[in-house]
């Protein structure tokens, strides 16, 4: 009987658990692949919220109006910017810089977790140096955190 009561209580709480709402926060790291410290590598996190709907227009066959919001209005003024190091030095890939960036990113991730955030997803992309005469490129990683509202 106790087992049956426990199972009934557990089943009754499942819909409540599924209905829990989360909030999300994205932290972005941009690591330059420009040699000799000429690039700008950073960890960026917004400290203010924006509602995407304020900058969105629903365009249909009957409604061809473009969004008239100003790009400057979409920009956030409050964000945290942490300097990190470029992947390359004058002689090529700088493994000490990569290890240093890993230490700073680990610190940021650990701080987020200490504040109650859970690392939910990580996604990355690269725009790399395309050879002679280019000299530019970035490696971008987005860390997506979530926590219960």
C-alpha atoms as a PDB file:
ATOM      1  CA  UNK A   1       0.000   0.000   0.000  1.00  0.00           C
ATOM      2  CA  UNK A   2       2.850   2.411   0.825  1.00  0.00           C
ATOM      3  CA  UNK A   3       4.461   1.654  -2.538  1.00  0.00           C
ATOM      4  CA  UNK A   4       1.186   2.327  -4.336  1.00  0.00           C
ATOM      5  CA  UNK A   5       0.744   5.648  -2.514  1.00  0.00           C
ATOM      6  CA  UNK A   6       4.337   6.639  -3.344  1.00  0.00           C
ATOM      7  CA  UNK A   7       3.837   5.834  -7.031  1.00  0.00           C
ATOM      8  CA  UNK A   8       0.573   7.801  -7.114  1.00  0.00           C
ATOM      9  CA  UNK A   9       2.264  10.856  -5.560  1.00  0.00           C
ATOM     10  CA  UNK A  10       5.178  10.557  -7.961  1.00  0.00           C
ATOM     11  CA  UNK A  11       2.869  10.370 -10.996  1.00  0.00           C
ATOM     12  CA  UNK A  12       0.880  13.361  -9.752  1.00  0.00           C
ATOM     13  CA  UNK A  13       4.046  15.466  -9.558  1.00  0.00           C
ATOM     14  CA  UNK A  14       5.337  14.651 -13.061  1.00  0.00           C
ATOM     15  CA  UNK A  15       3.108  17.165 -14.930  1.00  0.00           C
ATOM     16  CA  UNK A  16       4.163  19.844 -12.448  1.00  0.00           C
ATOM     17  CA  UNK A  17       7.831  19.115 -13.151  1.00  0.00           C
ATOM     18  CA  UNK A  18       7.281  19.230 -16.915  1.00  0.00           C
ATOM     19  CA  UNK A  19       5.617  22.641 -16.666  1.00  0.00           C
ATOM     20  CA  UNK A  20       8.619  24.307 -15.042  1.00  0.00           C
ATOM     21  CA  UNK A  21       9.833  27.361 -16.937  1.00  0.00           C
ATOM     22  CA  UNK A  22      13.455  28.169 -17.577  1.00  0.00           C
ATOM     23  CA  UNK A  23      15.307  31.358 -18.359  1.00  0.00           C
ATOM     24  CA  UNK A  24      18.354  31.283 -20.593  1.00  0.00           C
ATOM     25  CA  UNK A  25      21.583  33.258 -20.752  1.00  0.00           C
ATOM     26  CA  UNK A  26      24.155  33.148 -23.557  1.00  0.00           C
ATOM     27  CA  UNK A  27      27.861  33.774 -23.017  1.00  0.00           C
ATOM     28  CA  UNK A  28      29.965  34.205 -26.170  1.00  0.00           C
ATOM     29  CA  UNK A  29      33.703  33.777 -26.527  1.00  0.00           C
ATOM     30  CA  UNK A  30      35.405  35.206 -29.600  1.00  0.00           C
ATOM     31  CA  UNK A  31      38.971  34.053 -30.079  1.00  0.00           C
ATOM     32  CA  UNK A  32      40.954  35.734 -32.829  1.00  0.00           C
ATOM     33  CA  UNK A  33      43.170  33.809 -35.208  1.00  0.00           C
ATOM     34  CA  UNK A  34      45.014  36.988 -36.249  1.00  0.00           C
ATOM     35  CA  UNK A  35      48.738  36.685 -35.470  1.00  0.00           C
ATOM     36  CA  UNK A  36      50.914  38.871 -33.228  1.00  0.00           C
ATOM     37  CA  UNK A  37      48.164  40.084 -30.890  1.00  0.00           C
ATOM     38  CA  UNK A  38      46.489  42.204 -33.570  1.00  0.00           C
ATOM     39  CA  UNK A  39      43.078  40.548 -33.133  1.00  0.00           C
ATOM     40  CA  UNK A  40      40.575  41.208 -30.376  1.00  0.00           C
ATOM     41  CA  UNK A  41      39.600  38.157 -28.331  1.00  0.00           C
ATOM     42  CA  UNK A  42      36.894  38.492 -25.690  1.00  0.00           C
ATOM     43  CA  UNK A  43      34.299  36.767 -23.536  1.00  0.00           C
ATOM     44  CA  UNK A  44      31.047  38.732 -23.864  1.00  0.00           C
ATOM     45  CA  UNK A  45      27.896  38.512 -21.754  1.00  0.00           C
ATOM     46  CA  UNK A  46      24.939  40.847 -21.850  1.00  0.00           C
ATOM     47  CA  UNK A  47      23.828  42.342 -18.562  1.00  0.00           C
ATOM     48  CA  UNK A  48      20.473  43.585 -19.872  1.00  0.00           C
ATOM     49  CA  UNK A  49      17.496  41.899 -21.470  1.00  0.00           C
ATOM     50  CA  UNK A  50      15.897  42.735 -24.791  1.00  0.00           C
ATOM     51  CA  UNK A  51      12.578  41.545 -26.168  1.00  0.00           C
ATOM     52  CA  UNK A  52      13.086  40.334 -29.728  1.00  0.00           C
ATOM     53  CA  UNK A  53       9.440  41.115 -30.515  1.00  0.00           C
ATOM     54  CA  UNK A  54      10.218  44.839 -30.249  1.00  0.00           C
ATOM     55  CA  UNK A  55      12.398  44.464 -33.346  1.00  0.00           C
ATOM     56  CA  UNK A  56      10.330  41.943 -35.303  1.00  0.00           C
ATOM     57  CA  UNK A  57       7.759  42.424 -38.040  1.00  0.00           C
ATOM     58  CA  UNK A  58       5.525  39.660 -39.343  1.00  0.00           C
ATOM     59  CA  UNK A  59       5.583  39.921 -43.134  1.00  0.00           C
ATOM     60  CA  UNK A  60       2.909  38.154 -45.134  1.00  0.00           C
ATOM     61  CA  UNK A  61       1.461  38.277 -48.609  1.00  0.00           C
ATOM     62  CA  UNK A  62      -0.975  40.925 -47.377  1.00  0.00           C
ATOM     63  CA  UNK A  63       1.469  42.805 -45.133  1.00  0.00           C
ATOM     64  CA  UNK A  64       4.679  43.811 -46.920  1.00  0.00           C
ATOM     65  CA  UNK A  65       5.723  46.493 -44.414  1.00  0.00           C
ATOM     66  CA  UNK A  66       9.323  46.344 -43.279  1.00  0.00           C
ATOM     67  CA  UNK A  67      10.451  46.636 -39.698  1.00  0.00           C
ATOM     68  CA  UNK A  68      11.021  50.324 -38.924  1.00  0.00           C
ATOM     69  CA  UNK A  69      12.897  49.887 -35.638  1.00  0.00           C
ATOM     70  CA  UNK A  70      16.370  51.388 -35.498  1.00  0.00           C
ATOM     71  CA  UNK A  71      19.367  49.085 -35.173  1.00  0.00           C
ATOM     72  CA  UNK A  72      20.785  51.321 -32.473  1.00  0.00           C
ATOM     73  CA  UNK A  73      17.696  50.656 -30.357  1.00  0.00           C
ATOM     74  CA  UNK A  74      18.475  46.932 -30.416  1.00  0.00           C
ATOM     75  CA  UNK A  75      21.988  47.428 -29.040  1.00  0.00           C
ATOM     76  CA  UNK A  76      22.596  46.758 -25.372  1.00  0.00           C
ATOM     77  CA  UNK A  77      24.619  49.256 -23.380  1.00  0.00           C
ATOM     78  CA  UNK A  78      25.319  47.033 -20.376  1.00  0.00           C
ATOM     79  CA  UNK A  79      27.560  44.065 -21.095  1.00  0.00           C
ATOM     80  CA  UNK A  80      30.534  42.377 -19.533  1.00  0.00           C
ATOM     81  CA  UNK A  81      33.679  42.146 -21.662  1.00  0.00           C
ATOM     82  CA  UNK A  82      36.598  39.968 -20.559  1.00  0.00           C
ATOM     83  CA  UNK A  83      39.870  40.150 -22.482  1.00  0.00           C
ATOM     84  CA  UNK A  84      41.304  36.825 -23.547  1.00  0.00           C
ATOM     85  CA  UNK A  85      44.273  35.980 -25.754  1.00  0.00           C
ATOM     86  CA  UNK A  86      44.598  35.353 -29.484  1.00  0.00           C
ATOM     87  CA  UNK A  87      45.241  31.825 -30.779  1.00  0.00           C
ATOM     88  CA  UNK A  88      48.340  32.905 -32.714  1.00  0.00           C
ATOM     89  CA  UNK A  89      51.563  34.655 -31.831  1.00  0.00           C
ATOM     90  CA  UNK A  90      54.243  35.776 -34.286  1.00  0.00           C
ATOM     91  CA  UNK A  91      55.498  32.198 -34.643  1.00  0.00           C
ATOM     92  CA  UNK A  92      52.163  30.384 -35.050  1.00  0.00           C
ATOM     93  CA  UNK A  93      49.699  28.732 -32.708  1.00  0.00           C
ATOM     94  CA  UNK A  94      50.377  29.764 -29.110  1.00  0.00           C
ATOM     95  CA  UNK A  95      49.404  26.888 -26.835  1.00  0.00           C
ATOM     96  CA  UNK A  96      50.003  28.958 -23.702  1.00  0.00           C
ATOM     97  CA  UNK A  97      47.381  31.451 -24.947  1.00  0.00           C
ATOM     98  CA  UNK A  98      44.918  28.603 -25.520  1.00  0.00           C
ATOM     99  CA  UNK A  99      45.527  27.238 -22.006  1.00  0.00           C
ATOM    100  CA  UNK A 100      45.112  30.749 -20.593  1.00  0.00           C
ATOM    101  CA  UNK A 101      41.799  31.183 -22.424  1.00  0.00           C
ATOM    102  CA  UNK A 102      40.651  27.797 -21.135  1.00  0.00           C
ATOM    103  CA  UNK A 103      41.388  28.942 -17.578  1.00  0.00           C
ATOM    104  CA  UNK A 104      39.400  32.164 -18.040  1.00  0.00           C
ATOM    105  CA  UNK A 105      36.484  30.394 -19.738  1.00  0.00           C
ATOM    106  CA  UNK A 106      36.454  27.751 -16.985  1.00  0.00           C
ATOM    107  CA  UNK A 107      36.309  30.510 -14.403  1.00  0.00           C
ATOM    108  CA  UNK A 108      33.349  32.126 -16.202  1.00  0.00           C
ATOM    109  CA  UNK A 109      31.493  28.804 -16.537  1.00  0.00           C
ATOM    110  CA  UNK A 110      32.141  27.951 -12.870  1.00  0.00           C
ATOM    111  CA  UNK A 111      30.915  31.397 -11.800  1.00  0.00           C
ATOM    112  CA  UNK A 112      27.705  30.933 -13.800  1.00  0.00           C
ATOM    113  CA  UNK A 113      27.154  27.521 -12.200  1.00  0.00           C
ATOM    114  CA  UNK A 114      27.761  28.993  -8.723  1.00  0.00           C
ATOM    115  CA  UNK A 115      25.020  31.540  -9.524  1.00  0.00           C
ATOM    116  CA  UNK A 116      22.539  28.720 -10.178  1.00  0.00           C
ATOM    117  CA  UNK A 117      22.899  28.435 -13.960  1.00  0.00           C
ATOM    118  CA  UNK A 118      23.252  25.052 -15.672  1.00  0.00           C
ATOM    119  CA  UNK A 119      25.277  24.686 -18.877  1.00  0.00           C
ATOM    120  CA  UNK A 120      22.662  23.432 -21.337  1.00  0.00           C
ATOM    121  CA  UNK A 121      24.324  23.692 -24.759  1.00  0.00           C
ATOM    122  CA  UNK A 122      27.581  24.702 -26.396  1.00  0.00           C
ATOM    123  CA  UNK A 123      27.883  25.593 -30.061  1.00  0.00           C
ATOM    124  CA  UNK A 124      30.818  26.950 -32.030  1.00  0.00           C
ATOM    125  CA  UNK A 125      31.845  28.139 -35.438  1.00  0.00           C
ATOM    126  CA  UNK A 126      34.878  29.465 -37.205  1.00  0.00           C
ATOM    127  CA  UNK A 127      35.752  31.968 -39.901  1.00  0.00           C
ATOM    128  CA  UNK A 128      39.340  31.089 -40.503  1.00  0.00           C
ATOM    129  CA  UNK A 129      42.309  32.679 -42.215  1.00  0.00           C
ATOM    130  CA  UNK A 130      41.915  31.813 -45.896  1.00  0.00           C
ATOM    131  CA  UNK A 131      45.602  31.996 -46.682  1.00  0.00           C
ATOM    132  CA  UNK A 132      48.064  34.452 -48.130  1.00  0.00           C
ATOM    133  CA  UNK A 133      46.886  38.042 -47.820  1.00  0.00           C
ATOM    134  CA  UNK A 134      43.878  37.340 -45.571  1.00  0.00           C
ATOM    135  CA  UNK A 135      45.275  37.369 -42.034  1.00  0.00           C
ATOM    136  CA  UNK A 136      41.858  37.415 -40.371  1.00  0.00           C
ATOM    137  CA  UNK A 137      39.603  34.963 -38.652  1.00  0.00           C
ATOM    138  CA  UNK A 138      37.706  34.180 -35.488  1.00  0.00           C
ATOM    139  CA  UNK A 139      36.674  31.154 -33.506  1.00  0.00           C
ATOM    140  CA  UNK A 140      33.348  31.822 -31.787  1.00  0.00           C
ATOM    141  CA  UNK A 141      31.743  29.691 -29.085  1.00  0.00           C
ATOM    142  CA  UNK A 142      28.341  30.247 -27.518  1.00  0.00           C
ATOM    143  CA  UNK A 143      27.699  28.806 -24.069  1.00  0.00           C
ATOM    144  CA  UNK A 144      23.951  28.571 -23.416  1.00  0.00           C
ATOM    145  CA  UNK A 145      22.974  28.364 -19.761  1.00  0.00           C
ATOM    146  CA  UNK A 146      19.566  27.762 -18.225  1.00  0.00           C
ATOM    147  CA  UNK A 147      18.018  27.917 -14.781  1.00  0.00           C
ATOM    148  CA  UNK A 148      14.556  27.664 -13.313  1.00  0.00           C
ATOM    149  CA  UNK A 149      12.667  30.938 -13.222  1.00  0.00           C
END
